[in-house]
Amino acid sequence: MKHLSVIMFALLLWSCAEKKESPASEQKDPVALGKELFQGVGNCFACHQPDQKIIGPSIAEIANSYRNQNADMVEFLKGNGKPIVDPTQYEVMKTNFAITKTMTDEELGALEAYMLSFGK
């Protein structure tokens, strides 16, 4: 009877344990995650709009430039690449590297996927 109590207690603890979802179910669509980052913590929307230049070039212009030149947007966001869209705005953009350098490769890839979704 004592062993049965121990087994029942163990089963009770196991059934109440926090269930973790599999990593695949936790992952967001890269474009959706990129949009969330772009509009949220990245604060990118303050300077970049989908189809018009505000402070920085439009998202569509950035996407087309990176696609046409086969350039690596993630490396640029890490602070390792040269500006290819509007070099005159580079000094303004450099201040944002403090934010983008803290992002994971997955987050930077998601930002890239979101921005490239505006290209033609």
PDB file of N, CA and C in Angstrom:
ATOM      1  N   MET A   1       0.822  -1.191   0.000  1.00  0.00           N
ATOM      2  CA  MET A   1       0.000   0.000   0.000  1.00  0.00           C
ATOM      3  C   MET A   1       0.867   1.256   0.000  1.00  0.00           C
ATOM      4  N   LYS A   2       2.002   1.164   0.726  1.00  0.00           N
ATOM      5  CA  LYS A   2       2.900   2.311   0.797  1.00  0.00           C
ATOM      6  C   LYS A   2       3.480   2.628  -0.586  1.00  0.00           C
ATOM      7  N   HIS A   3       3.814   1.589  -1.338  1.00  0.00           N
ATOM      8  CA  HIS A   3       4.361   1.787  -2.682  1.00  0.00           C
ATOM      9  C   HIS A   3       3.324   2.384  -3.622  1.00  0.00           C
ATOM     10  N   LEU A   4       2.089   1.975  -3.448  1.00  0.00           N
ATOM     11  CA  LEU A   4       1.013   2.511  -4.265  1.00  0.00           C
ATOM     12  C   LEU A   4       0.834   4.009  -4.012  1.00  0.00           C
ATOM     13  N   SER A   5       0.981   4.434  -2.764  1.00  0.00           N
ATOM     14  CA  SER A   5       0.873   5.862  -2.419  1.00  0.00           C
ATOM     15  C   SER A   5       1.983   6.666  -3.076  1.00  0.00           C
ATOM     16  N   VAL A   6       3.188   6.121  -3.075  1.00  0.00           N
ATOM     17  CA  VAL A   6       4.326   6.805  -3.693  1.00  0.00           C
ATOM     18  C   VAL A   6       4.095   6.925  -5.197  1.00  0.00           C
ATOM     19  N   ILE A   7       3.628   5.867  -5.820  1.00  0.00           N
ATOM     20  CA  ILE A   7       3.367   5.880  -7.264  1.00  0.00           C
ATOM     21  C   ILE A   7       2.266   6.884  -7.598  1.00  0.00           C
ATOM     22  N   MET A   8       1.212   6.887  -6.800  1.00  0.00           N
ATOM     23  CA  MET A   8       0.107   7.829  -7.037  1.00  0.00           C
ATOM     24  C   MET A   8       0.586   9.274  -6.886  1.00  0.00           C
ATOM     25  N   PHE A   9       1.426   9.528  -5.875  1.00  0.00           N
ATOM     26  CA  PHE A   9       1.962  10.868  -5.664  1.00  0.00           C
ATOM     27  C   PHE A   9       2.833  11.292  -6.853  1.00  0.00           C
ATOM     28  N   ALA A  10       3.646  10.380  -7.340  1.00  0.00           N
ATOM     29  CA  ALA A  10       4.509  10.671  -8.487  1.00  0.00           C
ATOM     30  C   ALA A  10       3.672  10.969  -9.723  1.00  0.00           C
ATOM     31  N   LEU A  11       2.641  10.190  -9.947  1.00  0.00           N
ATOM     32  CA  LEU A  11       1.754  10.438 -11.088  1.00  0.00           C
ATOM     33  C   LEU A  11       1.038  11.779 -10.966  1.00  0.00           C
ATOM     34  N   LEU A  12       0.642  12.133  -9.765  1.00  0.00           N
ATOM     35  CA  LEU A  12      -0.018  13.422  -9.534  1.00  0.00           C
ATOM     36  C   LEU A  12       0.927  14.569  -9.876  1.00  0.00           C
ATOM     37  N   LEU A  13       2.168  14.474  -9.418  1.00  0.00           N
ATOM     38  CA  LEU A  13       3.155  15.518  -9.726  1.00  0.00           C
ATOM     39  C   LEU A  13       3.416  15.606 -11.225  1.00  0.00           C
ATOM     40  N   TRP A  14       3.541  14.467 -11.876  1.00  0.00           N
ATOM     41  CA  TRP A  14       3.813  14.447 -13.309  1.00  0.00           C
ATOM     42  C   TRP A  14       2.660  15.060 -14.093  1.00  0.00           C
ATOM     43  N   SER A  15       1.419  14.774 -13.691  1.00  0.00           N
ATOM     44  CA  SER A  15       0.261  15.289 -14.423  1.00  0.00           C
ATOM     45  C   SER A  15       0.086  16.790 -14.223  1.00  0.00           C
ATOM     46  N   CYS A  16       0.605  17.324 -13.133  1.00  0.00           N
ATOM     47  CA  CYS A  16       0.484  18.762 -12.865  1.00  0.00           C
ATOM     48  C   CYS A  16       1.672  19.557 -13.389  1.00  0.00           C
ATOM     49  N   ALA A  17       2.673  18.868 -13.888  1.00  0.00           N
ATOM     50  CA  ALA A  17       3.860  19.557 -14.389  1.00  0.00           C
ATOM     51  C   ALA A  17       3.490  20.426 -15.576  1.00  0.00           C
ATOM     52  N   GLU A  18       4.220  21.528 -15.710  1.00  0.00           N
ATOM     53  CA  GLU A  18       3.982  22.457 -16.822  1.00  0.00           C
ATOM     54  C   GLU A  18       4.322  21.769 -18.135  1.00  0.00           C
ATOM     55  N   LYS A  19       3.401  21.815 -19.037  1.00  0.00           N
ATOM     56  CA  LYS A  19       3.616  21.217 -20.355  1.00  0.00           C
ATOM     57  C   LYS A  19       4.238  22.266 -21.260  1.00  0.00           C
ATOM     58  N   LYS A  20       5.323  21.924 -21.902  1.00  0.00           N
ATOM     59  CA  LYS A  20       5.982  22.830 -22.846  1.00  0.00           C
ATOM     60  C   LYS A  20       5.594  22.420 -24.240  1.00  0.00           C
ATOM     61  N   GLU A  21       5.344  23.439 -25.070  1.00  0.00           N
ATOM     62  CA  GLU A  21       5.021  23.165 -26.461  1.00  0.00           C
ATOM     63  C   GLU A  21       6.305  22.836 -27.201  1.00  0.00           C
ATOM     64  N   SER A  22       6.170  22.120 -28.265  1.00  0.00           N
ATOM     65  CA  SER A  22       7.342  21.801 -29.063  1.00  0.00           C
ATOM     66  C   SER A  22       7.867  23.071 -29.719  1.00  0.00           C
ATOM     67  N   PRO A  23       9.175  23.157 -29.962  1.00  0.00           N
ATOM     68  CA  PRO A  23       9.750  24.356 -30.567  1.00  0.00           C
ATOM     69  C   PRO A  23       9.073  24.764 -31.869  1.00  0.00           C
ATOM     70  N   ALA A  24       8.646  23.816 -32.668  1.00  0.00           N
ATOM     71  CA  ALA A  24       8.021  24.157 -33.950  1.00  0.00           C
ATOM     72  C   ALA A  24       6.728  24.937 -33.738  1.00  0.00           C
ATOM     73  N   SER A  25       5.974  24.616 -32.684  1.00  0.00           N
ATOM     74  CA  SER A  25       4.721  25.318 -32.469  1.00  0.00           C
ATOM     75  C   SER A  25       4.937  26.696 -31.856  1.00  0.00           C
ATOM     76  N   GLU A  26       6.115  26.917 -31.267  1.00  0.00           N
ATOM     77  CA  GLU A  26       6.413  28.219 -30.675  1.00  0.00           C
ATOM     78  C   GLU A  26       6.906  29.220 -31.721  1.00  0.00           C
ATOM     79  N   GLN A  27       7.396  28.742 -32.839  1.00  0.00           N
ATOM     80  CA  GLN A  27       7.967  29.619 -33.843  1.00  0.00           C
ATOM     81  C   GLN A  27       6.872  30.351 -34.604  1.00  0.00           C
ATOM     82  N   LYS A  28       7.126  31.642 -34.833  1.00  0.00           N
ATOM     83  CA  LYS A  28       6.212  32.447 -35.631  1.00  0.00           C
ATOM     84  C   LYS A  28       6.672  32.428 -37.078  1.00  0.00           C
ATOM     85  N   ASP A  29       5.758  32.760 -37.945  1.00  0.00           N
ATOM     86  CA  ASP A  29       6.098  32.991 -39.333  1.00  0.00           C
ATOM     87  C   ASP A  29       7.152  34.102 -39.366  1.00  0.00           C
ATOM     88  N   PRO A  30       8.258  33.935 -40.095  1.00  0.00           N
ATOM     89  CA  PRO A  30       9.311  34.948 -40.102  1.00  0.00           C
ATOM     90  C   PRO A  30       8.824  36.350 -40.495  1.00  0.00           C
ATOM     91  N   VAL A  31       7.934  36.435 -41.473  1.00  0.00           N
ATOM     92  CA  VAL A  31       7.445  37.753 -41.892  1.00  0.00           C
ATOM     93  C   VAL A  31       6.632  38.401 -40.761  1.00  0.00           C
ATOM     94  N   ALA A  32       5.815  37.597 -40.075  1.00  0.00           N
ATOM     95  CA  ALA A  32       5.018  38.132 -38.963  1.00  0.00           C
ATOM     96  C   ALA A  32       5.921  38.578 -37.811  1.00  0.00           C
ATOM     97  N   LEU A  33       6.931  37.769 -37.499  1.00  0.00           N
ATOM     98  CA  LEU A  33       7.879  38.148 -36.454  1.00  0.00           C
ATOM     99  C   LEU A  33       8.638  39.402 -36.871  1.00  0.00           C
ATOM    100  N   GLY A  34       9.046  39.471 -38.129  1.00  0.00           N
ATOM    101  CA  GLY A  34       9.760  40.651 -38.620  1.00  0.00           C
ATOM    102  C   GLY A  34       8.916  41.908 -38.511  1.00  0.00           C
ATOM    103  N   LYS A  35       7.641  41.801 -38.851  1.00  0.00           N
ATOM    104  CA  LYS A  35       6.740  42.951 -38.744  1.00  0.00           C
ATOM    105  C   LYS A  35       6.612  43.392 -37.287  1.00  0.00           C
ATOM    106  N   GLU A  36       6.495  42.424 -36.397  1.00  0.00           N
ATOM    107  CA  GLU A  36       6.393  42.719 -34.969  1.00  0.00           C
ATOM    108  C   GLU A  36       7.640  43.457 -34.473  1.00  0.00           C
ATOM    109  N   LEU A  37       8.802  42.984 -34.877  1.00  0.00           N
ATOM    110  CA  LEU A  37      10.059  43.621 -34.485  1.00  0.00           C
ATOM    111  C   LEU A  37      10.204  44.996 -35.124  1.00  0.00           C
ATOM    112  N   PHE A  38       9.857  45.091 -36.400  1.00  0.00           N
ATOM    113  CA  PHE A  38       9.963  46.345 -37.151  1.00  0.00           C
ATOM    114  C   PHE A  38       9.121  47.440 -36.500  1.00  0.00           C
ATOM    115  N   GLN A  39       7.918  47.083 -36.090  1.00  0.00           N
ATOM    116  CA  GLN A  39       7.004  48.061 -35.518  1.00  0.00           C
ATOM    117  C   GLN A  39       7.156  48.196 -34.008  1.00  0.00           C
ATOM    118  N   GLY A  40       7.839  47.251 -33.391  1.00  0.00           N
ATOM    119  CA  GLY A  40       7.977  47.253 -31.945  1.00  0.00           C
ATOM    120  C   GLY A  40       9.354  47.678 -31.495  1.00  0.00           C
ATOM    121  N   VAL A  41      10.089  46.730 -30.932  1.00  0.00           N
ATOM    122  CA  VAL A  41      11.385  47.003 -30.331  1.00  0.00           C
ATOM    123  C   VAL A  41      12.374  47.646 -31.302  1.00  0.00           C
ATOM    124  N   GLY A  42      12.289  47.291 -32.567  1.00  0.00           N
ATOM    125  CA  GLY A  42      13.203  47.874 -33.552  1.00  0.00           C
ATOM    126  C   GLY A  42      12.933  49.340 -33.822  1.00  0.00           C
ATOM    127  N   ASN A  43      11.692  49.748 -33.666  1.00  0.00           N
ATOM    128  CA  ASN A  43      11.272  51.131 -33.912  1.00  0.00           C
ATOM    129  C   ASN A  43      11.655  51.603 -35.320  1.00  0.00           C
ATOM    130  N   CYS A  44      11.748  50.666 -36.240  1.00  0.00           N
ATOM    131  CA  CYS A  44      12.177  50.961 -37.611  1.00  0.00           C
ATOM    132  C   CYS A  44      11.172  51.848 -38.344  1.00  0.00           C
ATOM    133  N   PHE A  45       9.890  51.675 -38.008  1.00  0.00           N
ATOM    134  CA  PHE A  45       8.830  52.418 -38.691  1.00  0.00           C
ATOM    135  C   PHE A  45       8.948  53.923 -38.488  1.00  0.00           C
ATOM    136  N   ALA A  46       9.715  54.346 -37.498  1.00  0.00           N
ATOM    137  CA  ALA A  46       9.891  55.784 -37.267  1.00  0.00           C
ATOM    138  C   ALA A  46      10.604  56.451 -38.444  1.00  0.00           C
ATOM    139  N   CYS A  47      11.438  55.702 -39.138  1.00  0.00           N
ATOM    140  CA  CYS A  47      12.203  56.255 -40.267  1.00  0.00           C
ATOM    141  C   CYS A  47      11.851  55.636 -41.613  1.00  0.00           C
ATOM    142  N   HIS A  48      11.265  54.429 -41.606  1.00  0.00           N
ATOM    143  CA  HIS A  48      11.003  53.708 -42.853  1.00  0.00           C
ATOM    144  C   HIS A  48       9.521  53.378 -42.980  1.00  0.00           C
ATOM    145  N   GLN A  49       8.944  53.788 -44.082  1.00  0.00           N
ATOM    146  CA  GLN A  49       7.550  53.478 -44.399  1.00  0.00           C
ATOM    147  C   GLN A  49       7.530  52.534 -45.595  1.00  0.00           C
ATOM    148  N   PRO A  50       6.429  51.820 -45.786  1.00  0.00           N
ATOM    149  CA  PRO A  50       6.392  50.830 -46.872  1.00  0.00           C
ATOM    150  C   PRO A  50       6.728  51.379 -48.254  1.00  0.00           C
ATOM    151  N   ASP A  51       6.143  52.500 -48.632  1.00  0.00           N
ATOM    152  CA  ASP A  51       6.316  52.932 -50.021  1.00  0.00           C
ATOM    153  C   ASP A  51       6.689  54.402 -50.193  1.00  0.00           C
ATOM    154  N   GLN A  52       7.164  55.023 -49.124  1.00  0.00           N
ATOM    155  CA  GLN A  52       7.615  56.414 -49.268  1.00  0.00           C
ATOM    156  C   GLN A  52       8.788  56.703 -48.338  1.00  0.00           C
ATOM    157  N   LYS A  53       9.658  57.596 -48.800  1.00  0.00           N
ATOM    158  CA  LYS A  53      10.811  57.992 -47.993  1.00  0.00           C
ATOM    159  C   LYS A  53      10.335  58.982 -46.936  1.00  0.00           C
ATOM    160  N   ILE A  54      10.685  58.711 -45.701  1.00  0.00           N
ATOM    161  CA  ILE A  54      10.409  59.642 -44.606  1.00  0.00           C
ATOM    162  C   ILE A  54      11.763  60.213 -44.203  1.00  0.00           C
ATOM    163  N   ILE A  55      12.423  59.571 -43.268  1.00  0.00           N
ATOM    164  CA  ILE A  55      13.793  59.935 -42.910  1.00  0.00           C
ATOM    165  C   ILE A  55      14.751  59.043 -43.702  1.00  0.00           C
ATOM    166  N   GLY A  56      14.466  57.758 -43.649  1.00  0.00           N
ATOM    167  CA  GLY A  56      15.256  56.786 -44.409  1.00  0.00           C
ATOM    168  C   GLY A  56      14.488  56.343 -45.635  1.00  0.00           C
ATOM    169  N   PRO A  57      15.108  55.545 -46.465  1.00  0.00           N
ATOM    170  CA  PRO A  57      14.432  55.061 -47.676  1.00  0.00           C
ATOM    171  C   PRO A  57      13.227  54.186 -47.329  1.00  0.00           C
ATOM    172  N   SER A  58      12.325  54.047 -48.287  1.00  0.00           N
ATOM    173  CA  SER A  58      11.138  53.208 -48.075  1.00  0.00           C
ATOM    174  C   SER A  58      11.553  51.746 -47.960  1.00  0.00           C
ATOM    175  N   ILE A  59      10.694  50.950 -47.346  1.00  0.00           N
ATOM    176  CA  ILE A  59      10.965  49.518 -47.219  1.00  0.00           C
ATOM    177  C   ILE A  59      11.068  48.890 -48.608  1.00  0.00           C
ATOM    178  N   ALA A  60      10.206  49.296 -49.522  1.00  0.00           N
ATOM    179  CA  ALA A  60      10.235  48.746 -50.884  1.00  0.00           C
ATOM    180  C   ALA A  60      11.564  49.057 -51.563  1.00  0.00           C
ATOM    181  N   GLU A  61      12.070  50.276 -51.403  1.00  0.00           N
ATOM    182  CA  GLU A  61      13.357  50.647 -52.008  1.00  0.00           C
ATOM    183  C   GLU A  61      14.492  49.820 -51.408  1.00  0.00           C
ATOM    184  N   ILE A  62      14.449  49.638 -50.094  1.00  0.00           N
ATOM    185  CA  ILE A  62      15.473  48.825 -49.425  1.00  0.00           C
ATOM    186  C   ILE A  62      15.411  47.389 -49.938  1.00  0.00           C
ATOM    187  N   ALA A  63      14.213  46.826 -49.974  1.00  0.00           N
ATOM    188  CA  ALA A  63      14.034  45.435 -50.419  1.00  0.00           C
ATOM    189  C   ALA A  63      14.535  45.254 -51.841  1.00  0.00           C
ATOM    190  N   ASN A  64      14.168  46.147 -52.725  1.00  0.00           N
ATOM    191  CA  ASN A  64      14.586  46.037 -54.125  1.00  0.00           C
ATOM    192  C   ASN A  64      16.097  46.184 -54.274  1.00  0.00           C
ATOM    193  N   SER A  65      16.690  47.103 -53.529  1.00  0.00           N
ATOM    194  CA  SER A  65      18.144  47.291 -53.604  1.00  0.00           C
ATOM    195  C   SER A  65      18.887  46.060 -53.132  1.00  0.00           C
ATOM    196  N   TYR A  66      18.464  45.511 -52.001  1.00  0.00           N
ATOM    197  CA  TYR A  66      19.144  44.323 -51.475  1.00  0.00           C
ATOM    198  C   TYR A  66      18.946  43.117 -52.385  1.00  0.00           C
ATOM    199  N   ARG A  67      17.755  42.976 -52.923  1.00  0.00           N
ATOM    200  CA  ARG A  67      17.485  41.844 -53.822  1.00  0.00           C
ATOM    201  C   ARG A  67      18.279  42.003 -55.119  1.00  0.00           C
ATOM    202  N   ASN A  68      18.259  43.189 -55.728  1.00  0.00           N
ATOM    203  CA  ASN A  68      18.939  43.413 -57.003  1.00  0.00           C
ATOM    204  C   ASN A  68      20.458  43.292 -56.890  1.00  0.00           C
ATOM    205  N   GLN A  69      20.996  43.663 -55.747  1.00  0.00           N
ATOM    206  CA  GLN A  69      22.448  43.610 -55.564  1.00  0.00           C
ATOM    207  C   GLN A  69      22.891  42.338 -54.842  1.00  0.00           C
ATOM    208  N   ASN A  70      21.921  41.457 -54.564  1.00  0.00           N
ATOM    209  CA  ASN A  70      22.214  40.207 -53.858  1.00  0.00           C
ATOM    210  C   ASN A  70      23.032  40.478 -52.597  1.00  0.00           C
ATOM    211  N   ALA A  71      22.622  41.497 -51.843  1.00  0.00           N
ATOM    212  CA  ALA A  71      23.343  41.927 -50.646  1.00  0.00           C
ATOM    213  C   ALA A  71      22.763  41.258 -49.400  1.00  0.00           C
ATOM    214  N   ASP A  72      23.526  41.288 -48.333  1.00  0.00           N
ATOM    215  CA  ASP A  72      23.158  40.636 -47.084  1.00  0.00           C
ATOM    216  C   ASP A  72      22.660  41.674 -46.074  1.00  0.00           C
ATOM    217  N   MET A  73      21.353  41.776 -45.954  1.00  0.00           N
ATOM    218  CA  MET A  73      20.745  42.741 -45.055  1.00  0.00           C
ATOM    219  C   MET A  73      21.065  42.430 -43.588  1.00  0.00           C
ATOM    220  N   VAL A  74      21.121  41.157 -43.245  1.00  0.00           N
ATOM    221  CA  VAL A  74      21.413  40.772 -41.864  1.00  0.00           C
ATOM    222  C   VAL A  74      22.796  41.261 -41.452  1.00  0.00           C
ATOM    223  N   GLU A  75      23.770  41.098 -42.315  1.00  0.00           N
ATOM    224  CA  GLU A  75      25.124  41.587 -41.999  1.00  0.00           C
ATOM    225  C   GLU A  75      25.133  43.103 -41.815  1.00  0.00           C
ATOM    226  N   PHE A  76      24.358  43.800 -42.633  1.00  0.00           N
ATOM    227  CA  PHE A  76      24.263  45.249 -42.469  1.00  0.00           C
ATOM    228  C   PHE A  76      23.657  45.587 -41.112  1.00  0.00           C
ATOM    229  N   LEU A  77      22.595  44.894 -40.729  1.00  0.00           N
ATOM    230  CA  LEU A  77      21.932  45.169 -39.454  1.00  0.00           C
ATOM    231  C   LEU A  77      22.802  44.808 -38.257  1.00  0.00           C
ATOM    232  N   LYS A  78      23.775  43.916 -38.491  1.00  0.00           N
ATOM    233  CA  LYS A  78      24.738  43.586 -37.433  1.00  0.00           C
ATOM    234  C   LYS A  78      25.831  44.656 -37.339  1.00  0.00           C
ATOM    235  N   GLY A  79      25.839  45.571 -38.298  1.00  0.00           N
ATOM    236  CA  GLY A  79      26.864  46.612 -38.322  1.00  0.00           C
ATOM    237  C   GLY A  79      28.091  46.214 -39.103  1.00  0.00           C
ATOM    238  N   ASN A  80      28.009  45.132 -39.869  1.00  0.00           N
ATOM    239  CA  ASN A  80      29.164  44.616 -40.606  1.00  0.00           C
ATOM    240  C   ASN A  80      29.149  44.934 -42.094  1.00  0.00           C
ATOM    241  N   GLY A  81      28.040  45.424 -42.607  1.00  0.00           N
ATOM    242  CA  GLY A  81      27.934  45.675 -44.041  1.00  0.00           C
ATOM    243  C   GLY A  81      27.983  47.153 -44.367  1.00  0.00           C
ATOM    244  N   LYS A  82      28.240  47.419 -45.602  1.00  0.00           N
ATOM    245  CA  LYS A  82      28.267  48.806 -46.079  1.00  0.00           C
ATOM    246  C   LYS A  82      26.868  49.209 -46.516  1.00  0.00           C
ATOM    247  N   PRO A  83      26.536  50.493 -46.378  1.00  0.00           N
ATOM    248  CA  PRO A  83      25.219  50.954 -46.830  1.00  0.00           C
ATOM    249  C   PRO A  83      25.142  50.913 -48.350  1.00  0.00           C
ATOM    250  N   ILE A  84      24.051  50.372 -48.872  1.00  0.00           N
ATOM    251  CA  ILE A  84      23.926  50.290 -50.319  1.00  0.00           C
ATOM    252  C   ILE A  84      22.723  51.069 -50.845  1.00  0.00           C
ATOM    253  N   VAL A  85      21.794  51.438 -49.990  1.00  0.00           N
ATOM    254  CA  VAL A  85      20.572  52.091 -50.465  1.00  0.00           C
ATOM    255  C   VAL A  85      20.751  53.601 -50.491  1.00  0.00           C
ATOM    256  N   ASP A  86      21.075  54.193 -49.354  1.00  0.00           N
ATOM    257  CA  ASP A  86      21.253  55.639 -49.266  1.00  0.00           C
ATOM    258  C   ASP A  86      22.405  55.926 -48.299  1.00  0.00           C
ATOM    259  N   PRO A  87      23.633  55.880 -48.798  1.00  0.00           N
ATOM    260  CA  PRO A  87      24.793  56.081 -47.925  1.00  0.00           C
ATOM    261  C   PRO A  87      24.783  57.406 -47.158  1.00  0.00           C
ATOM    262  N   THR A  88      24.052  58.404 -47.653  1.00  0.00           N
ATOM    263  CA  THR A  88      24.005  59.693 -46.946  1.00  0.00           C
ATOM    264  C   THR A  88      23.270  59.578 -45.609  1.00  0.00           C
ATOM    265  N   GLN A  89      22.451  58.554 -45.444  1.00  0.00           N
ATOM    266  CA  GLN A  89      21.706  58.360 -44.197  1.00  0.00           C
ATOM    267  C   GLN A  89      22.387  57.371 -43.251  1.00  0.00           C
ATOM    268  N   TYR A  90      23.575  56.924 -43.599  1.00  0.00           N
ATOM    269  CA  TYR A  90      24.254  55.886 -42.817  1.00  0.00           C
ATOM    270  C   TYR A  90      24.507  56.302 -41.377  1.00  0.00           C
ATOM    271  N   GLU A  91      24.932  57.524 -41.153  1.00  0.00           N
ATOM    272  CA  GLU A  91      25.225  57.974 -39.786  1.00  0.00           C
ATOM    273  C   GLU A  91      23.972  57.929 -38.911  1.00  0.00           C
ATOM    274  N   VAL A  92      22.823  58.245 -39.489  1.00  0.00           N
ATOM    275  CA  VAL A  92      21.563  58.164 -38.750  1.00  0.00           C
ATOM    276  C   VAL A  92      21.258  56.699 -38.428  1.00  0.00           C
ATOM    277  N   MET A  93      21.441  55.832 -39.408  1.00  0.00           N
ATOM    278  CA  MET A  93      21.146  54.412 -39.231  1.00  0.00           C
ATOM    279  C   MET A  93      22.088  53.762 -38.225  1.00  0.00           C
ATOM    280  N   LYS A  94      23.334  54.182 -38.195  1.00  0.00           N
ATOM    281  CA  LYS A  94      24.317  53.579 -37.284  1.00  0.00           C
ATOM    282  C   LYS A  94      23.860  53.627 -35.834  1.00  0.00           C
ATOM    283  N   THR A  95      23.126  54.642 -35.454  1.00  0.00           N
ATOM    284  CA  THR A  95      22.662  54.731 -34.067  1.00  0.00           C
ATOM    285  C   THR A  95      21.713  53.586 -33.729  1.00  0.00           C
ATOM    286  N   ASN A  96      21.032  53.049 -34.726  1.00  0.00           N
ATOM    287  CA  ASN A  96      20.093  51.948 -34.492  1.00  0.00           C
ATOM    288  C   ASN A  96      20.777  50.589 -34.377  1.00  0.00           C
ATOM    289  N   PHE A  97      22.043  50.518 -34.708  1.00  0.00           N
ATOM    290  CA  PHE A  97      22.760  49.260 -34.554  1.00  0.00           C
ATOM    291  C   PHE A  97      22.806  48.823 -33.090  1.00  0.00           C
ATOM    292  N   ALA A  98      22.688  49.776 -32.179  1.00  0.00           N
ATOM    293  CA  ALA A  98      22.633  49.415 -30.761  1.00  0.00           C
ATOM    294  C   ALA A  98      21.448  48.493 -30.494  1.00  0.00           C
ATOM    295  N   ILE A  99      20.373  48.670 -31.229  1.00  0.00           N
ATOM    296  CA  ILE A  99      19.193  47.805 -31.087  1.00  0.00           C
ATOM    297  C   ILE A  99      19.384  46.518 -31.875  1.00  0.00           C
ATOM    298  N   THR A 100      19.758  46.629 -33.142  1.00  0.00           N
ATOM    299  CA  THR A 100      19.817  45.447 -33.993  1.00  0.00           C
ATOM    300  C   THR A 100      20.939  44.487 -33.593  1.00  0.00           C
ATOM    301  N   LYS A 101      22.002  44.993 -33.005  1.00  0.00           N
ATOM    302  CA  LYS A 101      23.096  44.108 -32.576  1.00  0.00           C
ATOM    303  C   LYS A 101      22.690  43.224 -31.403  1.00  0.00           C
ATOM    304  N   THR A 102      21.632  43.591 -30.694  1.00  0.00           N
ATOM    305  CA  THR A 102      21.166  42.762 -29.586  1.00  0.00           C
ATOM    306  C   THR A 102      20.191  41.686 -30.040  1.00  0.00           C
ATOM    307  N   MET A 103      19.773  41.739 -31.284  1.00  0.00           N
ATOM    308  CA  MET A 103      18.813  40.769 -31.807  1.00  0.00           C
ATOM    309  C   MET A 103      19.512  39.468 -32.188  1.00  0.00           C
ATOM    310  N   THR A 104      18.759  38.394 -32.094  1.00  0.00           N
ATOM    311  CA  THR A 104      19.282  37.085 -32.488  1.00  0.00           C
ATOM    312  C   THR A 104      19.321  36.995 -34.012  1.00  0.00           C
ATOM    313  N   ASP A 105      20.027  35.996 -34.510  1.00  0.00           N
ATOM    314  CA  ASP A 105      20.055  35.774 -35.958  1.00  0.00           C
ATOM    315  C   ASP A 105      18.649  35.489 -36.480  1.00  0.00           C
ATOM    316  N   GLU A 106      17.853  34.772 -35.696  1.00  0.00           N
ATOM    317  CA  GLU A 106      16.472  34.490 -36.100  1.00  0.00           C
ATOM    318  C   GLU A 106      15.674  35.787 -36.229  1.00  0.00           C
ATOM    319  N   GLU A 107      15.838  36.693 -35.272  1.00  0.00           N
ATOM    320  CA  GLU A 107      15.120  37.970 -35.323  1.00  0.00           C
ATOM    321  C   GLU A 107      15.586  38.822 -36.493  1.00  0.00           C
ATOM    322  N   LEU A 108      16.890  38.867 -36.727  1.00  0.00           N
ATOM    323  CA  LEU A 108      17.407  39.638 -37.858  1.00  0.00           C
ATOM    324  C   LEU A 108      16.938  39.033 -39.181  1.00  0.00           C
ATOM    325  N   GLY A 109      16.914  37.724 -39.261  1.00  0.00           N
ATOM    326  CA  GLY A 109      16.398  37.062 -40.458  1.00  0.00           C
ATOM    327  C   GLY A 109      14.923  37.372 -40.675  1.00  0.00           C
ATOM    328  N   ALA A 110      14.182  37.465 -39.582  1.00  0.00           N
ATOM    329  CA  ALA A 110      12.759  37.798 -39.676  1.00  0.00           C
ATOM    330  C   ALA A 110      12.572  39.238 -40.147  1.00  0.00           C
ATOM    331  N   LEU A 111      13.395  40.157 -39.651  1.00  0.00           N
ATOM    332  CA  LEU A 111      13.337  41.542 -40.144  1.00  0.00           C
ATOM    333  C   LEU A 111      13.621  41.580 -41.641  1.00  0.00           C
ATOM    334  N   GLU A 112      14.627  40.833 -42.056  1.00  0.00           N
ATOM    335  CA  GLU A 112      14.971  40.765 -43.480  1.00  0.00           C
ATOM    336  C   GLU A 112      13.801  40.196 -44.287  1.00  0.00           C
ATOM    337  N   ALA A 113      13.187  39.114 -43.798  1.00  0.00           N
ATOM    338  CA  ALA A 113      12.053  38.500 -44.513  1.00  0.00           C
ATOM    339  C   ALA A 113      10.900  39.488 -44.616  1.00  0.00           C
ATOM    340  N   TYR A 114      10.613  40.212 -43.556  1.00  0.00           N
ATOM    341  CA  TYR A 114       9.536  41.195 -43.578  1.00  0.00           C
ATOM    342  C   TYR A 114       9.828  42.277 -44.598  1.00  0.00           C
ATOM    343  N   MET A 115      11.028  42.823 -44.586  1.00  0.00           N
ATOM    344  CA  MET A 115      11.368  43.903 -45.500  1.00  0.00           C
ATOM    345  C   MET A 115      11.400  43.424 -46.947  1.00  0.00           C
ATOM    346  N   LEU A 116      11.928  42.235 -47.185  1.00  0.00           N
ATOM    347  CA  LEU A 116      11.969  41.707 -48.554  1.00  0.00           C
ATOM    348  C   LEU A 116      10.580  41.408 -49.087  1.00  0.00           C
ATOM    349  N   SER A 117       9.607  41.249 -48.206  1.00  0.00           N
ATOM    350  CA  SER A 117       8.243  40.987 -48.666  1.00  0.00           C
ATOM    351  C   SER A 117       7.630  42.203 -49.359  1.00  0.00           C
ATOM    352  N   PHE A 118       8.275  43.356 -49.252  1.00  0.00           N
ATOM    353  CA  PHE A 118       7.778  44.574 -49.924  1.00  0.00           C
ATOM    354  C   PHE A 118       8.416  44.777 -51.286  1.00  0.00           C
ATOM    355  N   GLY A 119       9.411  43.981 -51.627  1.00  0.00           N
ATOM    356  CA  GLY A 119      10.100  44.148 -52.910  1.00  0.00           C
ATOM    357  C   GLY A 119       9.317  43.569 -54.066  1.00  0.00           C
ATOM    358  N   LYS A 120       9.758  43.934 -55.248  1.00  0.00           N
ATOM    359  CA  LYS A 120       9.102  43.446 -56.476  1.00  0.00           C
ATOM    360  C   LYS A 120       9.964  42.432 -57.177  1.00  0.00           C
TER     361      LYS A 120
END
